[in-house]
C-alpha cells in the first residue's frame, strides 16, 4: 500500500464514520487516479480496511487514459466504499467503540475473501 498523506486541514475535521479527530486521512472515493478530487475524511482505523477491500476487489489503481475505463474503476471503487460504509454504520455497530472499528473492518475483509 502506498504512503498516505495527512490532510492539511484536519484540525477541524472528523472521520466521516466515527467522528474521531485522530489520525485523519483523505480517502479518494473513486480512487486516487480515477477521481482524485472526490475525497472524504476517514480516520486510519477506517481508511486502512476500506483500502484493503478495494485492493482485494482487484480494482486497478493504475491511471488509464481511457476515460470510460477510468469512470468504471471510479464507480467500482466508490461501490466498495459504500459497501464498507453500510457495514460500518449498521445499527448493531453504532454502539461499538472506535477501537472495535478495526475488528469490524477485519470481519468484512474476511467475508470478502471467503474466509472465517
PDB file of N, CA and C in Angstrom:
ATOM      1  N   UNK A   1       0.844  -1.166   0.000  1.00  0.00           N
ATOM      2  CA  UNK A   1       0.000   0.000   0.000  1.00  0.00           C
ATOM      3  C   UNK A   1       0.898   1.241   0.000  1.00  0.00           C
ATOM      4  N   UNK A   2       0.460   2.257  -0.725  1.00  0.00           N
ATOM      5  CA  UNK A   2       1.265   3.466  -0.810  1.00  0.00           C
ATOM      6  C   UNK A   2       1.140   4.300   0.457  1.00  0.00           C
ATOM      7  N   UNK A   3       2.089   5.198   0.642  1.00  0.00           N
ATOM      8  CA  UNK A   3       2.060   6.085   1.805  1.00  0.00           C
ATOM      9  C   UNK A   3       0.846   7.000   1.712  1.00  0.00           C
ATOM     10  N   UNK A   4       0.284   7.318   2.843  1.00  0.00           N
ATOM     11  CA  UNK A   4      -0.907   8.156   2.891  1.00  0.00           C
ATOM     12  C   UNK A   4      -0.525   9.533   3.401  1.00  0.00           C
ATOM     13  N   UNK A   5      -0.910  10.565   2.663  1.00  0.00           N
ATOM     14  CA  UNK A   5      -0.625  11.934   3.099  1.00  0.00           C
ATOM     15  C   UNK A   5      -1.655  12.345   4.136  1.00  0.00           C
ATOM     16  N   UNK A   6      -1.200  13.088   5.109  1.00  0.00           N
ATOM     17  CA  UNK A   6      -2.116  13.612   6.126  1.00  0.00           C
ATOM     18  C   UNK A   6      -2.837  14.829   5.565  1.00  0.00           C
ATOM     19  N   UNK A   7      -4.069  14.958   5.930  1.00  0.00           N
ATOM     20  CA  UNK A   7      -4.903  16.070   5.485  1.00  0.00           C
ATOM     21  C   UNK A   7      -4.418  17.373   6.128  1.00  0.00           C
ATOM     22  N   UNK A   8      -4.105  18.418   5.336  1.00  0.00           N
ATOM     23  CA  UNK A   8      -3.606  19.664   5.912  1.00  0.00           C
ATOM     24  C   UNK A   8      -4.650  20.439   6.718  1.00  0.00           C
ATOM     25  N   UNK A   9      -5.943  20.213   6.489  1.00  0.00           N
ATOM     26  CA  UNK A   9      -7.000  20.943   7.188  1.00  0.00           C
ATOM     27  C   UNK A   9      -7.680  20.085   8.245  1.00  0.00           C
ATOM     28  N   UNK A  10      -7.038  18.997   8.660  1.00  0.00           N
ATOM     29  CA  UNK A  10      -7.696  18.019   9.526  1.00  0.00           C
ATOM     30  C   UNK A  10      -7.956  18.499  10.942  1.00  0.00           C
ATOM     31  N   UNK A  11      -7.415  19.629  11.351  1.00  0.00           N
ATOM     32  CA  UNK A  11      -7.634  20.085  12.725  1.00  0.00           C
ATOM     33  C   UNK A  11      -9.111  20.343  13.012  1.00  0.00           C
ATOM     34  N   UNK A  12      -9.894  20.697  11.995  1.00  0.00           N
ATOM     35  CA  UNK A  12     -11.326  20.963  12.175  1.00  0.00           C
ATOM     36  C   UNK A  12     -12.186  19.798  11.709  1.00  0.00           C
ATOM     37  N   UNK A  13     -11.583  18.802  11.150  1.00  0.00           N
ATOM     38  CA  UNK A  13     -12.339  17.732  10.524  1.00  0.00           C
ATOM     39  C   UNK A  13     -12.426  16.509  11.411  1.00  0.00           C
ATOM     40  N   UNK A  14     -13.333  15.628  11.047  1.00  0.00           N
ATOM     41  CA  UNK A  14     -13.555  14.383  11.783  1.00  0.00           C
ATOM     42  C   UNK A  14     -13.755  13.239  10.792  1.00  0.00           C
ATOM     43  N   UNK A  15     -13.555  12.024  11.293  1.00  0.00           N
ATOM     44  CA  UNK A  15     -13.812  10.835  10.491  1.00  0.00           C
ATOM     45  C   UNK A  15     -15.298  10.807  10.128  1.00  0.00           C
ATOM     46  N   UNK A  16     -15.597  10.595   8.881  1.00  0.00           N
ATOM     47  CA  UNK A  16     -16.979  10.554   8.403  1.00  0.00           C
ATOM     48  C   UNK A  16     -17.770   9.429   9.065  1.00  0.00           C
ATOM     49  N   UNK A  17     -17.093   8.351   9.449  1.00  0.00           N
ATOM     50  CA  UNK A  17     -17.774   7.183  10.009  1.00  0.00           C
ATOM     51  C   UNK A  17     -17.947   7.279  11.518  1.00  0.00           C
ATOM     52  N   UNK A  18     -16.872   7.582  12.239  1.00  0.00           N
ATOM     53  CA  UNK A  18     -16.938   7.512  13.706  1.00  0.00           C
ATOM     54  C   UNK A  18     -16.812   8.859  14.409  1.00  0.00           C
ATOM     55  N   UNK A  19     -16.435   9.913  13.678  1.00  0.00           N
ATOM     56  CA  UNK A  19     -16.304  11.226  14.287  1.00  0.00           C
ATOM     57  C   UNK A  19     -14.969  11.495  14.960  1.00  0.00           C
ATOM     58  N   UNK A  20     -14.049  10.538  14.895  1.00  0.00           N
ATOM     59  CA  UNK A  20     -12.748  10.708  15.529  1.00  0.00           C
ATOM     60  C   UNK A  20     -11.968  11.861  14.895  1.00  0.00           C
ATOM     61  N   UNK A  21     -11.123  12.502  15.712  1.00  0.00           N
ATOM     62  CA  UNK A  21     -10.216  13.543  15.215  1.00  0.00           C
ATOM     63  C   UNK A  21      -8.785  13.012  15.111  1.00  0.00           C
ATOM     64  N   UNK A  22      -8.562  11.738  15.442  1.00  0.00           N
ATOM     65  CA  UNK A  22      -7.216  11.167  15.463  1.00  0.00           C
ATOM     66  C   UNK A  22      -6.849  10.538  14.120  1.00  0.00           C
ATOM     67  N   UNK A  23      -5.597  10.700  13.728  1.00  0.00           N
ATOM     68  CA  UNK A  23      -5.033  10.034  12.543  1.00  0.00           C
ATOM     69  C   UNK A  23      -5.919  10.171  11.307  1.00  0.00           C
ATOM     70  N   UNK A  24      -6.343  11.385  10.995  1.00  0.00           N
ATOM     71  CA  UNK A  24      -7.232  11.608   9.863  1.00  0.00           C
ATOM     72  C   UNK A  24      -6.484  11.536   8.539  1.00  0.00           C
ATOM     73  N   UNK A  25      -7.161  10.963   7.554  1.00  0.00           N
ATOM     74  CA  UNK A  25      -6.615  10.803   6.213  1.00  0.00           C
ATOM     75  C   UNK A  25      -7.728  11.066   5.212  1.00  0.00           C
ATOM     76  N   UNK A  26      -7.359  11.462   4.020  1.00  0.00           N
ATOM     77  CA  UNK A  26      -8.342  11.678   2.961  1.00  0.00           C
ATOM     78  C   UNK A  26      -8.463  10.405   2.128  1.00  0.00           C
ATOM     79  N   UNK A  27      -9.678   9.902   2.014  1.00  0.00           N
ATOM     80  CA  UNK A  27      -9.944   8.732   1.177  1.00  0.00           C
ATOM     81  C   UNK A  27     -10.506   9.222  -0.150  1.00  0.00           C
ATOM     82  N   UNK A  28      -9.920   8.774  -1.240  1.00  0.00           N
ATOM     83  CA  UNK A  28     -10.390   9.144  -2.570  1.00  0.00           C
ATOM     84  C   UNK A  28     -11.528   8.195  -2.931  1.00  0.00           C
ATOM     85  N   UNK A  29     -12.753   8.713  -2.938  1.00  0.00           N
ATOM     86  CA  UNK A  29     -13.941   7.876  -3.122  1.00  0.00           C
ATOM     87  C   UNK A  29     -13.923   7.076  -4.415  1.00  0.00           C
ATOM     88  N   UNK A  30     -13.357   7.629  -5.446  1.00  0.00           N
ATOM     89  CA  UNK A  30     -13.305   6.930  -6.726  1.00  0.00           C
ATOM     90  C   UNK A  30     -11.914   6.458  -7.082  1.00  0.00           C
ATOM     91  N   UNK A  31     -11.005   6.474  -6.121  1.00  0.00           N
ATOM     92  CA  UNK A  31      -9.619   6.085  -6.393  1.00  0.00           C
ATOM     93  C   UNK A  31      -8.784   7.306  -6.741  1.00  0.00           C
ATOM     94  N   UNK A  32      -7.568   7.336  -6.236  1.00  0.00           N
ATOM     95  CA  UNK A  32      -6.687   8.498  -6.428  1.00  0.00           C
ATOM     96  C   UNK A  32      -6.442   8.810  -7.902  1.00  0.00           C
ATOM     97  N   UNK A  33      -6.320   7.797  -8.742  1.00  0.00           N
ATOM     98  CA  UNK A  33      -6.011   8.025 -10.156  1.00  0.00           C
ATOM     99  C   UNK A  33      -7.244   8.055 -11.050  1.00  0.00           C
ATOM    100  N   UNK A  34      -8.426   7.878 -10.470  1.00  0.00           N
ATOM    101  CA  UNK A  34      -9.637   7.833 -11.285  1.00  0.00           C
ATOM    102  C   UNK A  34     -10.541   9.034 -11.021  1.00  0.00           C
ATOM    103  N   UNK A  35     -10.637   9.448  -9.774  1.00  0.00           N
ATOM    104  CA  UNK A  35     -11.484  10.594  -9.398  1.00  0.00           C
ATOM    105  C   UNK A  35     -10.816  11.274  -8.212  1.00  0.00           C
ATOM    106  N   UNK A  36      -9.656  11.828  -8.437  1.00  0.00           N
ATOM    107  CA  UNK A  36      -8.817  12.289  -7.331  1.00  0.00           C
ATOM    108  C   UNK A  36      -9.357  13.480  -6.548  1.00  0.00           C
ATOM    109  N   UNK A  37     -10.316  14.199  -7.076  1.00  0.00           N
ATOM    110  CA  UNK A  37     -10.814  15.372  -6.358  1.00  0.00           C
ATOM    111  C   UNK A  37     -12.016  15.065  -5.474  1.00  0.00           C
ATOM    112  N   UNK A  38     -12.492  13.841  -5.535  1.00  0.00           N
ATOM    113  CA  UNK A  38     -13.633  13.431  -4.731  1.00  0.00           C
ATOM    114  C   UNK A  38     -13.114  12.666  -3.507  1.00  0.00           C
ATOM    115  N   UNK A  39     -13.020  13.381  -2.363  1.00  0.00           N
ATOM    116  CA  UNK A  39     -12.454  12.760  -1.165  1.00  0.00           C
ATOM    117  C   UNK A  39     -13.394  12.886   0.022  1.00  0.00           C
ATOM    118  N   UNK A  40     -13.133  12.052   1.011  1.00  0.00           N
ATOM    119  CA  UNK A  40     -13.868  12.073   2.267  1.00  0.00           C
ATOM    120  C   UNK A  40     -12.849  11.822   3.377  1.00  0.00           C
ATOM    121  N   UNK A  41     -13.051  12.449   4.527  1.00  0.00           N
ATOM    122  CA  UNK A  41     -12.126  12.290   5.644  1.00  0.00           C
ATOM    123  C   UNK A  41     -12.468  11.036   6.432  1.00  0.00           C
ATOM    124  N   UNK A  42     -11.460  10.198   6.635  1.00  0.00           N
ATOM    125  CA  UNK A  42     -11.592   8.991   7.450  1.00  0.00           C
ATOM    126  C   UNK A  42     -10.415   8.928   8.413  1.00  0.00           C
ATOM    127  N   UNK A  43     -10.642   8.303   9.567  1.00  0.00           N
ATOM    128  CA  UNK A  43      -9.521   8.028  10.461  1.00  0.00           C
ATOM    129  C   UNK A  43      -8.775   6.806   9.912  1.00  0.00           C
ATOM    130  N   UNK A  44      -7.566   6.602  10.381  1.00  0.00           N
ATOM    131  CA  UNK A  44      -6.757   5.473   9.920  1.00  0.00           C
ATOM    132  C   UNK A  44      -7.471   4.145  10.154  1.00  0.00           C
ATOM    133  N   UNK A  45      -8.172   4.033  11.290  1.00  0.00           N
ATOM    134  CA  UNK A  45      -8.872   2.797  11.642  1.00  0.00           C
ATOM    135  C   UNK A  45      -9.900   2.416  10.572  1.00  0.00           C
ATOM    136  N   UNK A  46     -10.519   3.391   9.937  1.00  0.00           N
ATOM    137  CA  UNK A  46     -11.497   3.101   8.894  1.00  0.00           C
ATOM    138  C   UNK A  46     -10.892   3.154   7.492  1.00  0.00           C
ATOM    139  N   UNK A  47      -9.867   3.959   7.291  1.00  0.00           N
ATOM    140  CA  UNK A  47      -9.280   4.089   5.954  1.00  0.00           C
ATOM    141  C   UNK A  47      -8.541   2.826   5.529  1.00  0.00           C
ATOM    142  N   UNK A  48      -7.775   2.251   6.431  1.00  0.00           N
ATOM    143  CA  UNK A  48      -6.990   1.060   6.077  1.00  0.00           C
ATOM    144  C   UNK A  48      -7.862  -0.111   5.624  1.00  0.00           C
ATOM    145  N   UNK A  49      -8.914  -0.486   6.380  1.00  0.00           N
ATOM    146  CA  UNK A  49      -9.721  -1.632   5.926  1.00  0.00           C
ATOM    147  C   UNK A  49     -10.407  -1.403   4.581  1.00  0.00           C
ATOM    148  N   UNK A  50     -10.910  -0.186   4.339  1.00  0.00           N
ATOM    149  CA  UNK A  50     -11.580   0.052   3.054  1.00  0.00           C
ATOM    150  C   UNK A  50     -10.563   0.016   1.919  1.00  0.00           C
ATOM    151  N   UNK A  51      -9.352   0.486   2.154  1.00  0.00           N
ATOM    152  CA  UNK A  51      -8.315   0.422   1.123  1.00  0.00           C
ATOM    153  C   UNK A  51      -7.932  -1.023   0.816  1.00  0.00           C
ATOM    154  N   UNK A  52      -7.892  -1.853   1.852  1.00  0.00           N
ATOM    155  CA  UNK A  52      -7.593  -3.271   1.658  1.00  0.00           C
ATOM    156  C   UNK A  52      -8.709  -3.945   0.859  1.00  0.00           C
ATOM    157  N   UNK A  53      -9.954  -3.618   1.179  1.00  0.00           N
ATOM    158  CA  UNK A  53     -11.082  -4.191   0.434  1.00  0.00           C
ATOM    159  C   UNK A  53     -11.020  -3.823  -1.041  1.00  0.00           C
ATOM    160  N   UNK A  54     -10.678  -2.585  -1.330  1.00  0.00           N
ATOM    161  CA  UNK A  54     -10.578  -2.142  -2.721  1.00  0.00           C
ATOM    162  C   UNK A  54      -9.481  -2.918  -3.440  1.00  0.00           C
ATOM    163  N   UNK A  55      -8.358  -3.115  -2.769  1.00  0.00           N
ATOM    164  CA  UNK A  55      -7.262  -3.884  -3.371  1.00  0.00           C
ATOM    165  C   UNK A  55      -7.683  -5.335  -3.602  1.00  0.00           C
ATOM    166  N   UNK A  56      -8.373  -5.904  -2.633  1.00  0.00           N
ATOM    167  CA  UNK A  56      -8.815  -7.309  -2.762  1.00  0.00           C
ATOM    168  C   UNK A  56      -9.904  -7.476  -3.807  1.00  0.00           C
ATOM    169  N   UNK A  57     -10.614  -6.412  -4.120  1.00  0.00           N
ATOM    170  CA  UNK A  57     -11.622  -6.461  -5.181  1.00  0.00           C
ATOM    171  C   UNK A  57     -10.958  -6.443  -6.554  1.00  0.00           C
ATOM    172  N   UNK A  58      -9.641  -6.289  -6.555  1.00  0.00           N
ATOM    173  CA  UNK A  58      -8.831  -6.285  -7.777  1.00  0.00           C
ATOM    174  C   UNK A  58      -9.220  -5.164  -8.747  1.00  0.00           C
ATOM    175  N   UNK A  59      -9.532  -4.009  -8.162  1.00  0.00           N
ATOM    176  CA  UNK A  59      -9.795  -2.817  -8.971  1.00  0.00           C
ATOM    177  C   UNK A  59      -8.446  -2.149  -9.192  1.00  0.00           C
ATOM    178  N   UNK A  60      -8.050  -2.043 -10.430  1.00  0.00           N
ATOM    179  CA  UNK A  60      -6.735  -1.485 -10.723  1.00  0.00           C
ATOM    180  C   UNK A  60      -6.645  -0.030 -10.273  1.00  0.00           C
ATOM    181  N   UNK A  61      -5.622   0.284  -9.456  1.00  0.00           N
ATOM    182  CA  UNK A  61      -5.441   1.674  -9.035  1.00  0.00           C
ATOM    183  C   UNK A  61      -4.657   2.485 -10.065  1.00  0.00           C
ATOM    184  N   UNK A  62      -4.183   1.824 -11.104  1.00  0.00           N
ATOM    185  CA  UNK A  62      -3.331   2.482 -12.091  1.00  0.00           C
ATOM    186  C   UNK A  62      -4.126   3.425 -12.980  1.00  0.00           C
ATOM    187  N   UNK A  63      -3.495   4.547 -13.318  1.00  0.00           N
ATOM    188  CA  UNK A  63      -4.106   5.518 -14.215  1.00  0.00           C
ATOM    189  C   UNK A  63      -4.255   4.904 -15.597  1.00  0.00           C
ATOM    190  N   UNK A  64      -5.341   5.237 -16.261  1.00  0.00           N
ATOM    191  CA  UNK A  64      -5.529   4.896 -17.669  1.00  0.00           C
ATOM    192  C   UNK A  64      -6.050   6.134 -18.379  1.00  0.00           C
ATOM    193  N   UNK A  65      -5.609   6.327 -19.603  1.00  0.00           N
ATOM    194  CA  UNK A  65      -6.089   7.476 -20.372  1.00  0.00           C
ATOM    195  C   UNK A  65      -7.476   7.211 -20.954  1.00  0.00           C
ATOM    196  N   UNK A  66      -7.940   5.965 -20.901  1.00  0.00           N
ATOM    197  CA  UNK A  66      -9.271   5.596 -21.378  1.00  0.00           C
ATOM    198  C   UNK A  66     -10.304   6.102 -20.370  1.00  0.00           C
ATOM    199  N   UNK A  67     -11.033   7.154 -20.745  1.00  0.00           N
ATOM    200  CA  UNK A  67     -11.970   7.786 -19.803  1.00  0.00           C
ATOM    201  C   UNK A  67     -13.106   6.856 -19.387  1.00  0.00           C
ATOM    202  N   UNK A  68     -13.551   5.992 -20.266  1.00  0.00           N
ATOM    203  CA  UNK A  68     -14.628   5.055 -19.934  1.00  0.00           C
ATOM    204  C   UNK A  68     -14.134   4.056 -18.881  1.00  0.00           C
ATOM    205  N   UNK A  69     -12.935   3.519 -19.082  1.00  0.00           N
ATOM    206  CA  UNK A  69     -12.365   2.582 -18.116  1.00  0.00           C
ATOM    207  C   UNK A  69     -12.082   3.269 -16.782  1.00  0.00           C
ATOM    208  N   UNK A  70     -11.604   4.505 -16.845  1.00  0.00           N
ATOM    209  CA  UNK A  70     -11.336   5.248 -15.613  1.00  0.00           C
ATOM    210  C   UNK A  70     -12.643   5.480 -14.835  1.00  0.00           C
ATOM    211  N   UNK A  71     -13.706   5.808 -15.534  1.00  0.00           N
ATOM    212  CA  UNK A  71     -15.005   6.002 -14.887  1.00  0.00           C
ATOM    213  C   UNK A  71     -15.516   4.693 -14.293  1.00  0.00           C
ATOM    214  N   UNK A  72     -15.307   3.583 -14.997  1.00  0.00           N
ATOM    215  CA  UNK A  72     -15.723   2.277 -14.480  1.00  0.00           C
ATOM    216  C   UNK A  72     -14.988   1.944 -13.194  1.00  0.00           C
ATOM    217  N   UNK A  73     -13.675   2.165 -13.174  1.00  0.00           N
ATOM    218  CA  UNK A  73     -12.882   1.898 -11.972  1.00  0.00           C
ATOM    219  C   UNK A  73     -13.298   2.808 -10.816  1.00  0.00           C
ATOM    220  N   UNK A  74     -13.605   4.065 -11.122  1.00  0.00           N
ATOM    221  CA  UNK A  74     -14.052   5.003 -10.079  1.00  0.00           C
ATOM    222  C   UNK A  74     -15.372   4.534  -9.481  1.00  0.00           C
ATOM    223  N   UNK A  75     -16.296   4.089 -10.318  1.00  0.00           N
ATOM    224  CA  UNK A  75     -17.583   3.577  -9.818  1.00  0.00           C
ATOM    225  C   UNK A  75     -17.381   2.341  -8.951  1.00  0.00           C
ATOM    226  N   UNK A  76     -16.541   1.426  -9.406  1.00  0.00           N
ATOM    227  CA  UNK A  76     -16.292   0.205  -8.637  1.00  0.00           C
ATOM    228  C   UNK A  76     -15.682   0.533  -7.278  1.00  0.00           C
ATOM    229  N   UNK A  77     -14.729   1.436  -7.272  1.00  0.00           N
ATOM    230  CA  UNK A  77     -14.077   1.830  -6.021  1.00  0.00           C
ATOM    231  C   UNK A  77     -15.093   2.480  -5.080  1.00  0.00           C
ATOM    232  N   UNK A  78     -15.934   3.349  -5.604  1.00  0.00           N
ATOM    233  CA  UNK A  78     -16.953   4.004  -4.783  1.00  0.00           C
ATOM    234  C   UNK A  78     -17.960   2.991  -4.234  1.00  0.00           C
ATOM    235  N   UNK A  79     -18.298   1.993  -5.027  1.00  0.00           N
ATOM    236  CA  UNK A  79     -19.243   0.967  -4.557  1.00  0.00           C
ATOM    237  C   UNK A  79     -18.652   0.130  -3.426  1.00  0.00           C
ATOM    238  N   UNK A  80     -17.371  -0.181  -3.504  1.00  0.00           N
ATOM    239  CA  UNK A  80     -16.736  -0.915  -2.403  1.00  0.00           C
ATOM    240  C   UNK A  80     -16.786  -0.061  -1.139  1.00  0.00           C
ATOM    241  N   UNK A  81     -16.524   1.238  -1.264  1.00  0.00           N
ATOM    242  CA  UNK A  81     -16.607   2.115  -0.100  1.00  0.00           C
ATOM    243  C   UNK A  81     -18.026   2.132   0.462  1.00  0.00           C
ATOM    244  N   UNK A  82     -19.036   2.214  -0.398  1.00  0.00           N
ATOM    245  CA  UNK A  82     -20.421   2.225   0.078  1.00  0.00           C
ATOM    246  C   UNK A  82     -20.763   0.937   0.816  1.00  0.00           C
ATOM    247  N   UNK A  83     -20.277  -0.183   0.322  1.00  0.00           N
ATOM    248  CA  UNK A  83     -20.494  -1.468   0.979  1.00  0.00           C
ATOM    249  C   UNK A  83     -19.863  -1.448   2.376  1.00  0.00           C
ATOM    250  N   UNK A  84     -18.633  -0.950   2.453  1.00  0.00           N
ATOM    251  CA  UNK A  84     -17.941  -0.845   3.738  1.00  0.00           C
ATOM    252  C   UNK A  84     -18.715   0.080   4.679  1.00  0.00           C
ATOM    253  N   UNK A  85     -19.165   1.204   4.152  1.00  0.00           N
ATOM    254  CA  UNK A  85     -19.905   2.174   4.955  1.00  0.00           C
ATOM    255  C   UNK A  85     -21.199   1.570   5.493  1.00  0.00           C
ATOM    256  N   UNK A  86     -21.919   0.839   4.657  1.00  0.00           N
ATOM    257  CA  UNK A  86     -23.151   0.187   5.118  1.00  0.00           C
ATOM    258  C   UNK A  86     -22.873  -0.728   6.300  1.00  0.00           C
ATOM    259  N   UNK A  87     -21.792  -1.489   6.240  1.00  0.00           N
ATOM    260  CA  UNK A  87     -21.443  -2.389   7.333  1.00  0.00           C
ATOM    261  C   UNK A  87     -20.987  -1.608   8.564  1.00  0.00           C
ATOM    262  N   UNK A  88     -20.229  -0.553   8.352  1.00  0.00           N
ATOM    263  CA  UNK A  88     -19.659   0.210   9.473  1.00  0.00           C
ATOM    264  C   UNK A  88     -20.722   0.956  10.268  1.00  0.00           C
ATOM    265  N   UNK A  89     -21.797   1.368   9.611  1.00  0.00           N
ATOM    266  CA  UNK A  89     -22.816   2.139  10.327  1.00  0.00           C
ATOM    267  C   UNK A  89     -24.099   1.347  10.560  1.00  0.00           C
ATOM    268  N   UNK A  90     -24.029   0.027  10.402  1.00  0.00           N
ATOM    269  CA  UNK A  90     -25.190  -0.825  10.679  1.00  0.00           C
ATOM    270  C   UNK A  90     -25.658  -0.551  12.106  1.00  0.00           C
ATOM    271  N   UNK A  91     -26.960  -0.631  12.374  1.00  0.00           N
ATOM    272  CA  UNK A  91     -27.478  -0.306  13.711  1.00  0.00           C
ATOM    273  C   UNK A  91     -26.758  -1.022  14.848  1.00  0.00           C
ATOM    274  N   UNK A  92     -26.411  -2.285  14.672  1.00  0.00           N
ATOM    275  CA  UNK A  92     -25.735  -3.003  15.747  1.00  0.00           C
ATOM    276  C   UNK A  92     -24.291  -2.530  15.937  1.00  0.00           C
ATOM    277  N   UNK A  93     -23.727  -1.853  14.942  1.00  0.00           N
ATOM    278  CA  UNK A  93     -22.358  -1.363  15.045  1.00  0.00           C
ATOM    279  C   UNK A  93     -22.278   0.038  15.642  1.00  0.00           C
ATOM    280  N   UNK A  94     -23.385   0.767  15.658  1.00  0.00           N
ATOM    281  CA  UNK A  94     -23.366   2.161  16.107  1.00  0.00           C
ATOM    282  C   UNK A  94     -22.965   2.301  17.558  1.00  0.00           C
ATOM    283  N   UNK A  95     -23.241   1.302  18.367  1.00  0.00           N
ATOM    284  CA  UNK A  95     -22.911   1.395  19.786  1.00  0.00           C
ATOM    285  C   UNK A  95     -21.478   0.951  20.069  1.00  0.00           C
ATOM    286  N   UNK A  96     -20.798   0.408  19.069  1.00  0.00           N
ATOM    287  CA  UNK A  96     -19.417  -0.050  19.275  1.00  0.00           C
ATOM    288  C   UNK A  96     -18.484   1.121  19.509  1.00  0.00           C
ATOM    289  N   UNK A  97     -17.429   0.862  20.253  1.00  0.00           N
ATOM    290  CA  UNK A  97     -16.394   1.867  20.483  1.00  0.00           C
ATOM    291  C   UNK A  97     -15.527   1.996  19.230  1.00  0.00           C
ATOM    292  N   UNK A  98     -14.785   3.078  19.125  1.00  0.00           N
ATOM    293  CA  UNK A  98     -13.896   3.342  17.995  1.00  0.00           C
ATOM    294  C   UNK A  98     -12.911   2.202  17.786  1.00  0.00           C
ATOM    295  N   UNK A  99     -12.407   1.619  18.874  1.00  0.00           N
ATOM    296  CA  UNK A  99     -11.425   0.535  18.764  1.00  0.00           C
ATOM    297  C   UNK A  99     -12.012  -0.702  18.105  1.00  0.00           C
ATOM    298  N   UNK A 100     -13.329  -0.868  18.180  1.00  0.00           N
ATOM    299  CA  UNK A 100     -13.965  -2.032  17.575  1.00  0.00           C
ATOM    300  C   UNK A 100     -14.071  -1.890  16.055  1.00  0.00           C
ATOM    301  N   UNK A 101     -13.796  -0.713  15.524  1.00  0.00           N
ATOM    302  CA  UNK A 101     -13.902  -0.491  14.084  1.00  0.00           C
ATOM    303  C   UNK A 101     -12.918  -1.368  13.326  1.00  0.00           C
ATOM    304  N   UNK A 102     -11.729  -1.533  13.857  1.00  0.00           N
ATOM    305  CA  UNK A 102     -10.735  -2.370  13.193  1.00  0.00           C
ATOM    306  C   UNK A 102     -11.221  -3.810  13.137  1.00  0.00           C
ATOM    307  N   UNK A 103     -11.822  -4.276  14.224  1.00  0.00           N
ATOM    308  CA  UNK A 103     -12.357  -5.631  14.268  1.00  0.00           C
ATOM    309  C   UNK A 103     -13.467  -5.792  13.233  1.00  0.00           C
ATOM    310  N   UNK A 104     -14.370  -4.826  13.168  1.00  0.00           N
ATOM    311  CA  UNK A 104     -15.471  -4.863  12.209  1.00  0.00           C
ATOM    312  C   UNK A 104     -14.927  -4.869  10.778  1.00  0.00           C
ATOM    313  N   UNK A 105     -13.927  -4.028  10.513  1.00  0.00           N
ATOM    314  CA  UNK A 105     -13.312  -3.987   9.184  1.00  0.00           C
ATOM    315  C   UNK A 105     -12.645  -5.293   8.840  1.00  0.00           C
ATOM    316  N   UNK A 106     -11.998  -5.933   9.828  1.00  0.00           N
ATOM    317  CA  UNK A 106     -11.344  -7.225   9.602  1.00  0.00           C
ATOM    318  C   UNK A 106     -12.373  -8.287   9.252  1.00  0.00           C
ATOM    319  N   UNK A 107     -13.503  -8.272   9.940  1.00  0.00           N
ATOM    320  CA  UNK A 107     -14.545  -9.254   9.651  1.00  0.00           C
ATOM    321  C   UNK A 107     -15.099  -9.046   8.246  1.00  0.00           C
ATOM    322  N   UNK A 108     -15.258  -7.809   7.839  1.00  0.00           N
ATOM    323  CA  UNK A 108     -15.757  -7.517   6.499  1.00  0.00           C
ATOM    324  C   UNK A 108     -14.755  -7.985   5.454  1.00  0.00           C
ATOM    325  N   UNK A 109     -13.472  -7.757   5.714  1.00  0.00           N
ATOM    326  CA  UNK A 109     -12.425  -8.188   4.775  1.00  0.00           C
ATOM    327  C   UNK A 109     -12.420  -9.705   4.682  1.00  0.00           C
ATOM    328  N   UNK A 110     -12.496 -10.395   5.817  1.00  0.00           N
ATOM    329  CA  UNK A 110     -12.510 -11.854   5.810  1.00  0.00           C
ATOM    330  C   UNK A 110     -13.697 -12.367   5.015  1.00  0.00           C
ATOM    331  N   UNK A 111     -14.849 -11.755   5.198  1.00  0.00           N
ATOM    332  CA  UNK A 111     -16.030 -12.158   4.448  1.00  0.00           C
ATOM    333  C   UNK A 111     -15.878 -11.933   2.961  1.00  0.00           C
ATOM    334  N   UNK A 112     -15.163 -10.888   2.587  1.00  0.00           N
ATOM    335  CA  UNK A 112     -14.980 -10.552   1.187  1.00  0.00           C
ATOM    336  C   UNK A 112     -14.127 -11.579   0.464  1.00  0.00           C
ATOM    337  N   UNK A 113     -13.222 -12.218   1.193  1.00  0.00           N
ATOM    338  CA  UNK A 113     -12.335 -13.195   0.554  1.00  0.00           C
ATOM    339  C   UNK A 113     -12.758 -14.624   0.876  1.00  0.00           C
ATOM    340  N   UNK A 114     -13.895 -14.788   1.571  1.00  0.00           N
ATOM    341  CA  UNK A 114     -14.449 -16.103   1.805  1.00  0.00           C
ATOM    342  C   UNK A 114     -13.766 -16.907   2.881  1.00  0.00           C
ATOM    343  N   UNK A 115     -13.125 -16.273   3.838  1.00  0.00           N
ATOM    344  CA  UNK A 115     -12.501 -16.999   4.952  1.00  0.00           C
ATOM    345  C   UNK A 115     -13.123 -16.546   6.238  1.00  0.00           C
ATOM    346  N   UNK A 116     -13.104 -17.373   7.224  1.00  0.00           N
ATOM    347  CA  UNK A 116     -13.614 -17.012   8.555  1.00  0.00           C
ATOM    348  C   UNK A 116     -12.703 -17.582   9.600  1.00  0.00           C
TER     349      UNK A 116
END
